[in-house]
Amino acid sequence: MSTFYICPTPIGNLKDISERILNTLDSVDIIYCEDTRRAKKLTDYFSISTPLKSYFVGNEFNKINEIEAALSEGKDIALISDAGTPLISDPGNELIQHLISKNFNIVSIPGPSSVLTALTVSGFEINEFQFLGFIPKGGKEKYEFVVKLINSNSVSVCFTSPKRLVKDLDYFEKEGLDSELVICRELTKKFETIYRGTAKSVKNKLPENLKGEITIVVGPSQSDEEIDIDLDEAIKILLEQKVPKRELAKSLSLLTNLSVNELYERVKNL
């Protein structure tokens, strides 16, 4: 029976690739990858001649039938991403769901992951954590993202780009995120750097023109107050309608378990 292999690749240090991954990539009939040029550097380095085909955001849905057909013909296939474990903030979930529904054999081989590497170097208690993917660029999605961090009693992991990191830290600070952060740059690579501190303090440690892959580990929130997204949206709307803050507090106290004084303290400086 043909097999579809999910194959992690190094996130920076090529020595981190396993013998099992190398044997699999060398023995399958096709390797699907995000960027054939980048994947070719990896396969050339390890003298692997398996044909490469593209599978990236934008064409992943069109490739499902092609991959199913190849598996039906008895071909073994491997899926890799540009770096790390495929499907983690990378395309492939719909493909795997489809192959499961068709009863194809799927094997996931363990290997490099920036999420796990960052967690283990963070120093936080990591018996429980949430992975949130890339920080949204703005709007309601970004606000809801920060609310998840503020409301979390466990560690969180997320990604951002070096160009957006300072803006994201500014936003964290503005929205009141007081958690300890561990910012991991270029994990496993020659210039790996770890920055630790709050959103406010860690910004002063960052060099100008920061480059490289960024993974952020966010410690549990230090706040005892849990933010209610619906309540905050209601406050925003009422403030936009010029409702006096004391009257706003009185009105919302009837709809929540918060007192007038608690609500007024929340909105008086807005």
Protein backbone atom coordinates (compact mmCIF):
# COMPACT_ATOMS: atom_id res chain seq x y z
CA MET A 1 0.00 0.00 0.00
CA SER A 2 1.31 3.45 -0.86
CA THR A 3 2.16 5.82 1.98
CA PHE A 4 2.05 9.57 2.46
CA TYR A 5 4.86 10.76 4.75
CA ILE A 6 4.86 14.02 6.71
CA CYS A 7 8.55 14.88 7.02
CA PRO A 8 10.00 17.65 9.21
CA THR A 9 13.18 19.31 7.97
CA PRO A 10 15.78 21.37 9.87
CA ILE A 11 14.80 24.86 11.01
CA GLY A 12 18.36 26.05 10.55
CA ASN A 13 21.01 23.47 11.36
CA LEU A 14 21.17 20.75 8.70
CA LYS A 15 22.72 18.36 11.21
CA ASP A 16 19.34 18.18 12.95
CA ILE A 17 17.83 16.06 10.19
CA SER A 18 17.34 12.42 11.15
CA GLU A 19 18.54 9.33 9.32
CA ARG A 20 14.91 8.20 9.05
CA ILE A 21 13.91 11.43 7.29
CA LEU A 22 16.83 11.14 4.88
CA ASN A 23 15.98 7.52 4.07
CA THR A 24 12.34 8.43 3.53
CA LEU A 25 13.07 11.39 1.25
CA ASP A 26 15.46 9.24 -0.74
CA SER A 27 13.06 6.30 -1.12
CA VAL A 28 9.71 7.98 -1.93
CA ASP A 29 8.64 8.60 -5.51
CA ILE A 30 7.79 12.30 -5.12
CA ILE A 31 8.54 15.06 -2.60
CA TYR A 32 5.99 17.87 -2.35
CA CYS A 33 7.43 21.09 -0.95
CA GLU A 34 6.62 24.78 -0.45
CA ASP A 35 9.51 26.06 -2.56
CA THR A 36 11.24 23.71 -5.00
CA ARG A 37 14.34 25.93 -5.13
CA ARG A 38 14.74 25.87 -1.37
CA ALA A 39 13.97 22.16 -1.16
CA LYS A 40 16.55 21.45 -3.88
CA LYS A 41 19.27 22.97 -1.71
CA LEU A 42 18.36 20.44 0.97
CA THR A 43 18.13 17.44 -1.34
CA ASP A 44 21.33 18.38 -3.20
CA TYR A 45 23.20 18.72 0.10
CA PHE A 46 22.23 15.17 1.03
CA SER A 47 22.53 13.80 -2.55
CA ILE A 48 18.83 12.96 -2.81
CA SER A 49 17.52 12.80 -6.39
CA THR A 50 13.80 12.33 -5.71
CA PRO A 51 11.65 14.58 -7.97
CA LEU A 52 10.30 17.74 -6.34
CA LYS A 53 6.84 19.20 -6.87
CA SER A 54 5.39 22.40 -5.45
CA TYR A 55 2.74 22.51 -2.73
CA PHE A 56 2.22 25.98 -1.27
CA VAL A 57 -0.44 28.44 -0.18
CA GLY A 58 -2.32 29.23 -3.38
CA ASN A 59 -2.10 25.87 -5.11
CA GLU A 60 -2.63 23.43 -2.24
CA PHE A 61 -6.29 22.75 -3.04
CA ASN A 62 -5.53 22.13 -6.71
CA LYS A 63 -2.90 19.57 -5.76
CA ILE A 64 -5.19 17.32 -3.71
CA ASN A 65 -6.49 15.33 -6.69
CA GLU A 66 -2.99 15.08 -8.15
CA ILE A 67 -1.61 13.67 -4.90
CA GLU A 68 -4.55 11.29 -4.50
CA ALA A 69 -4.02 10.00 -8.04
CA ALA A 70 -0.32 9.36 -7.43
CA LEU A 71 -1.05 7.48 -4.19
CA SER A 72 -3.73 5.45 -6.00
CA GLU A 73 -1.08 4.42 -8.52
CA GLY A 74 0.99 3.00 -5.66
CA LYS A 75 3.49 5.84 -5.39
CA ASP A 76 4.92 6.89 -2.04
CA ILE A 77 4.93 10.62 -1.35
CA ALA A 78 6.66 12.87 1.18
CA LEU A 79 5.53 16.35 2.23
CA ILE A 80 8.02 18.89 3.54
CA SER A 81 7.78 22.58 4.39
CA ASP A 82 10.47 25.23 4.01
CA ALA A 83 11.61 24.42 7.54
CA GLY A 84 10.30 22.51 10.54
CA THR A 85 7.25 20.30 10.75
CA PRO A 86 4.71 20.58 7.90
CA LEU A 87 1.13 21.74 8.65
CA ILE A 88 2.25 23.92 11.60
CA SER A 89 1.20 27.34 10.22
CA ASP A 90 1.82 25.81 6.79
CA PRO A 91 -0.54 24.36 4.16
CA GLY A 92 -1.59 20.73 4.35
CA ASN A 93 -4.48 20.32 6.79
CA GLU A 94 -7.16 19.97 4.10
CA LEU A 95 -4.96 17.53 2.21
CA ILE A 96 -4.47 15.30 5.26
CA GLN A 97 -8.20 15.40 6.05
CA HIS A 98 -8.96 14.35 2.47
CA LEU A 99 -6.43 11.50 2.50
CA ILE A 100 -7.81 10.25 5.81
CA SER A 101 -11.32 10.24 4.35
CA LYS A 102 -10.01 8.12 1.46
CA ASN A 103 -8.28 5.68 3.86
CA PHE A 104 -4.76 6.28 2.57
CA ASN A 105 -1.86 5.30 4.80
CA ILE A 106 -0.33 8.39 6.48
CA VAL A 107 2.87 8.41 8.51
CA SER A 108 4.13 11.45 10.43
CA ILE A 109 7.81 11.29 11.27
CA PRO A 110 8.95 13.33 14.31
CA GLY A 111 11.58 15.98 13.84
CA PRO A 112 12.54 19.65 14.15
CA SER A 113 9.96 22.19 15.32
CA SER A 114 10.57 25.81 16.28
CA VAL A 115 7.51 25.62 18.56
CA LEU A 116 8.94 22.86 20.74
CA THR A 117 12.47 24.23 20.61
CA ALA A 118 11.30 27.66 21.80
CA LEU A 119 9.14 26.16 24.54
CA THR A 120 11.95 24.10 26.00
CA VAL A 121 14.38 27.03 26.08
CA SER A 122 11.79 29.43 27.54
CA GLY A 123 12.10 28.32 31.14
CA PHE A 124 8.32 28.42 31.61
CA GLU A 125 6.21 25.58 32.98
CA ILE A 126 5.17 23.81 29.78
CA ASN A 127 2.97 20.94 30.88
CA GLU A 128 0.23 22.89 29.11
CA PHE A 129 0.49 25.43 26.29
CA GLN A 130 -1.42 26.92 23.36
CA PHE A 131 -0.08 27.53 19.87
CA LEU A 132 -1.61 30.56 18.14
CA GLY A 133 0.28 30.72 14.84
CA PHE A 134 1.21 34.07 13.30
CA ILE A 135 0.20 37.28 15.05
CA PRO A 136 -2.49 38.97 12.91
CA LYS A 137 -1.44 42.19 11.24
CA GLY A 138 -4.27 44.28 12.68
CA GLY A 139 -7.96 44.85 13.22
CA LYS A 140 -10.32 42.78 15.33
CA GLU A 141 -8.27 39.63 14.71
CA LYS A 142 -5.21 41.15 16.36
CA TYR A 143 -7.22 42.38 19.34
CA GLU A 144 -8.80 38.95 19.82
CA PHE A 145 -5.33 37.41 19.57
CA VAL A 146 -4.05 39.56 22.46
CA VAL A 147 -7.17 38.80 24.49
CA LYS A 148 -6.31 35.10 24.23
CA LEU A 149 -2.86 35.87 25.64
CA ILE A 150 -4.17 38.04 28.47
CA ASN A 151 -6.84 35.49 29.43
CA SER A 152 -4.49 32.51 29.32
CA ASN A 153 -3.24 30.80 32.46
CA SER A 154 -0.81 28.75 30.42
CA VAL A 155 2.10 29.43 28.10
CA SER A 156 1.44 30.54 24.51
CA VAL A 157 3.62 30.27 21.39
CA CYS A 158 3.30 32.42 18.28
CA PHE A 159 5.21 33.60 15.23
CA THR A 160 5.91 37.02 13.76
CA SER A 161 8.29 38.55 11.25
CA PRO A 162 11.36 40.59 12.24
CA LYS A 163 9.88 43.63 10.49
CA ARG A 164 6.71 43.46 12.60
CA LEU A 165 8.18 42.44 15.95
CA VAL A 166 8.53 45.91 17.48
CA LYS A 167 5.04 46.91 16.29
CA ASP A 168 3.64 43.74 17.83
CA LEU A 169 5.42 44.43 21.13
CA ASP A 170 4.08 47.99 21.10
CA TYR A 171 0.59 46.60 20.61
CA PHE A 172 1.02 44.08 23.43
CA GLU A 173 2.10 46.88 25.76
CA LYS A 174 -0.75 49.16 24.65
CA GLU A 175 -3.36 46.46 25.32
CA GLY A 176 -1.98 45.71 28.78
CA LEU A 177 -0.23 42.39 28.25
CA ASP A 178 2.04 42.10 31.30
CA SER A 179 3.36 38.58 30.74
CA GLU A 180 7.02 37.67 30.54
CA LEU A 181 8.12 37.06 26.96
CA VAL A 182 10.88 34.95 25.47
CA ILE A 183 11.72 36.03 21.93
CA CYS A 184 13.70 33.44 20.00
CA ARG A 185 15.55 34.55 16.88
CA GLU A 186 17.20 32.19 14.40
CA LEU A 187 16.75 29.07 16.53
CA THR A 188 19.42 26.38 15.94
CA LYS A 189 21.38 28.69 13.64
CA LYS A 190 24.79 30.28 14.09
CA PHE A 191 23.38 33.61 15.30
CA GLU A 192 20.64 32.21 17.54
CA THR A 193 19.64 34.85 20.08
CA ILE A 194 17.19 34.71 23.00
CA TYR A 195 15.63 37.87 24.48
CA ARG A 196 13.70 37.75 27.76
CA GLY A 197 11.49 40.34 29.46
CA THR A 198 8.16 42.11 29.24
CA ALA A 199 6.94 43.70 26.02
CA LYS A 200 8.16 47.05 27.30
CA SER A 201 11.58 45.97 28.52
CA VAL A 202 12.51 43.56 25.74
CA LYS A 203 12.14 46.23 23.05
CA ASN A 204 15.22 47.97 24.42
CA LYS A 205 17.26 44.81 23.93
CA LEU A 206 16.50 44.40 20.25
CA PRO A 207 19.03 45.59 17.65
CA GLU A 208 18.03 47.82 14.79
CA ASN A 209 17.28 46.13 11.45
CA LEU A 210 16.49 42.84 13.15
CA LYS A 211 16.57 39.86 10.79
CA GLY A 212 15.80 36.16 10.95
CA GLU A 213 12.96 33.84 11.92
CA ILE A 214 11.11 34.89 15.08
CA THR A 215 9.27 32.64 17.55
CA ILE A 216 7.70 34.18 20.66
CA VAL A 217 6.86 32.33 23.87
CA VAL A 218 4.42 34.24 26.08
CA GLY A 219 4.26 33.37 29.76
CA PRO A 220 0.98 33.04 31.67
CA SER A 221 -0.83 36.32 32.23
CA GLN A 222 -0.09 38.09 35.50
CA SER A 223 -3.52 39.75 35.51
CA ASP A 224 -6.33 38.47 37.73
CA GLU A 225 -8.91 40.11 35.49
CA GLU A 226 -10.29 38.24 32.52
CA ILE A 227 -11.20 40.37 29.55
CA ASP A 228 -14.61 39.88 28.02
CA ILE A 229 -14.44 40.58 24.28
CA ASP A 230 -18.16 41.37 24.04
CA LEU A 231 -17.95 43.76 26.99
CA ASP A 232 -15.00 45.62 25.52
CA GLU A 233 -16.77 45.89 22.19
CA ALA A 234 -19.82 47.29 23.97
CA ILE A 235 -17.67 49.85 25.78
CA LYS A 236 -16.07 50.91 22.52
CA ILE A 237 -19.44 51.39 20.81
CA LEU A 238 -20.91 53.37 23.71
CA LEU A 239 -17.86 55.62 23.90
CA GLU A 240 -18.11 56.28 20.18
CA GLN A 241 -21.74 57.30 20.76
CA LYS A 242 -20.54 59.86 23.37
CA VAL A 243 -22.34 58.13 26.27
CA PRO A 244 -21.04 59.64 29.55
CA LYS A 245 -18.65 57.24 31.26
CA ARG A 246 -20.57 57.12 34.54
CA GLU A 247 -23.81 56.36 32.69
CA LEU A 248 -21.99 53.81 30.58
CA ALA A 249 -20.78 52.07 33.74
CA LYS A 250 -24.28 52.06 35.25
CA SER A 251 -25.80 50.58 32.11
CA LEU A 252 -23.24 47.82 31.65
CA SER A 253 -23.36 46.84 35.33
CA LEU A 254 -26.91 45.67 34.71
CA LEU A 255 -25.67 43.27 32.02
CA THR A 256 -22.59 41.91 33.77
CA ASN A 257 -21.42 40.71 37.15
CA LEU A 258 -19.21 43.80 37.52
CA SER A 259 -20.08 46.69 39.79
CA VAL A 260 -20.58 50.27 38.60
CA ASN A 261 -17.33 51.30 40.27
CA GLU A 262 -15.37 48.45 38.67
CA LEU A 263 -16.68 49.37 35.25
CA TYR A 264 -16.08 53.07 35.77
CA GLU A 265 -12.47 52.40 36.78
CA ARG A 266 -12.12 50.40 33.60
CA VAL A 267 -13.34 53.14 31.29
CA LYS A 268 -12.53 56.43 33.01
CA ASN A 269 -9.12 56.83 31.35
CA LEU A 270 -10.23 55.72 27.90
